[in-house]
Protein backbone atom coordinates (compact mmCIF):
# COMPACT_ATOMS: atom_id res chain seq x y z
CA UNK A 1 118.64 134.04 111.94
CA UNK A 2 114.96 133.48 112.66
CA UNK A 3 115.44 132.96 116.41
CA UNK A 4 118.07 132.62 119.13
CA UNK A 5 118.48 129.68 121.50
CA UNK A 6 119.64 131.01 124.88
CA UNK A 7 120.94 128.63 127.51
CA UNK A 8 121.69 126.64 129.44
CA UNK A 9 119.35 128.69 131.66
CA UNK A 10 118.92 126.25 134.58
CA UNK A 11 120.96 123.27 135.79
CA UNK A 12 120.45 120.43 133.35
CA UNK A 13 120.88 116.68 133.65
CA UNK A 14 121.84 116.69 129.96
CA UNK A 15 124.76 119.07 130.59
CA UNK A 16 125.75 118.48 134.23
CA UNK A 17 129.12 120.23 133.88
CA UNK A 18 127.64 123.42 132.40
CA UNK A 19 127.15 126.30 134.79
CA UNK A 20 123.60 127.64 134.31
CA UNK A 21 123.44 131.08 132.73
CA UNK A 22 120.33 132.01 134.72
CA UNK A 23 117.32 134.24 134.29
CA UNK A 24 119.31 137.49 134.33
CA UNK A 25 121.26 136.26 131.29
CA UNK A 26 118.03 135.29 129.53
CA UNK A 27 116.46 138.65 130.33
CA UNK A 28 119.53 140.46 128.92
CA UNK A 29 119.47 138.42 125.70
CA UNK A 30 115.75 139.07 125.27
CA UNK A 31 116.20 142.79 125.86
CA UNK A 32 118.99 143.07 123.27
CA UNK A 33 117.45 140.83 120.61
CA UNK A 34 115.25 141.92 117.74
CA UNK A 35 114.26 138.33 117.00
CA UNK A 36 112.52 135.70 119.16
CA UNK A 37 114.56 134.11 121.95
CA UNK A 38 113.94 130.49 122.93
CA UNK A 39 115.18 129.45 126.38
CA UNK A 40 116.79 126.04 126.72
CA UNK A 41 118.27 124.01 129.53
CA UNK A 42 116.86 122.58 132.73
CA UNK A 43 113.24 123.34 131.93
CA UNK A 44 110.32 122.34 134.11
CA UNK A 45 106.75 123.52 133.72
CA UNK A 46 107.32 126.12 136.43
CA UNK A 47 110.65 127.36 135.08
CA UNK A 48 109.24 127.56 131.55
CA UNK A 49 106.72 130.16 132.71
CA UNK A 50 109.54 132.05 134.48
CA UNK A 51 111.40 132.18 131.15
CA UNK A 52 108.39 133.67 129.39
CA UNK A 53 108.11 136.26 132.15
CA UNK A 54 111.78 137.14 131.54
CA UNK A 55 110.98 137.85 127.88
CA UNK A 56 111.53 134.54 126.09
CA UNK A 57 109.21 133.80 123.19
CA UNK A 58 109.23 130.13 124.08
CA UNK A 59 111.19 127.27 125.57
CA UNK A 60 112.88 124.20 124.16
CA UNK A 61 112.24 120.99 126.06
CA UNK A 62 113.68 117.58 125.31
CA UNK A 63 114.99 115.56 128.25
CA UNK A 64 112.06 116.10 130.65
CA UNK A 65 109.69 114.67 128.05
CA UNK A 66 111.98 111.99 126.65
CA UNK A 67 112.88 110.69 130.12
CA UNK A 68 109.33 110.80 131.48
CA UNK A 69 107.47 107.61 132.31
CA UNK A 70 104.51 109.15 130.49
CA UNK A 71 105.76 111.70 127.92
CA UNK A 72 102.24 112.83 127.00
CA UNK A 73 101.41 113.72 130.59
CA UNK A 74 104.71 115.59 130.97
CA UNK A 75 104.24 117.48 127.69
CA UNK A 76 100.72 118.40 128.78
CA UNK A 77 102.03 119.72 132.11
CA UNK A 78 104.31 122.09 130.18
CA UNK A 79 101.43 123.17 127.93
CA UNK A 80 99.17 123.85 130.91
CA UNK A 81 101.85 125.85 132.74
CA UNK A 82 102.54 127.98 129.67
CA UNK A 83 98.82 128.46 129.04
CA UNK A 84 98.32 129.58 132.66
CA UNK A 85 101.09 132.12 132.16
CA UNK A 86 99.34 133.36 129.00
CA UNK A 87 96.00 133.49 130.86
CA UNK A 88 94.43 130.58 128.99
CA UNK A 89 92.04 128.59 131.19
CA UNK A 90 91.31 124.94 130.36
CA UNK A 91 88.56 124.47 132.94
């Protein structure tokens, strides 16, 4: 495998009956994995940065962008949040 998808990390509208695994689960998967871990489930710009802090190499996002009234603005909000976590300044 080239990467692992770990989730559902947070409550998700796409999987309302799935109990979220949570950040501790994500952290454990990241600690035990020798390959990149991608967090999935219930992502927001803020929670995406939390996932990176827990050790994830990235996040998978679908519903928040697909359901947005302006998908480009929503996608950009994720990019900006992740860039802020990485210390990238767009000002």
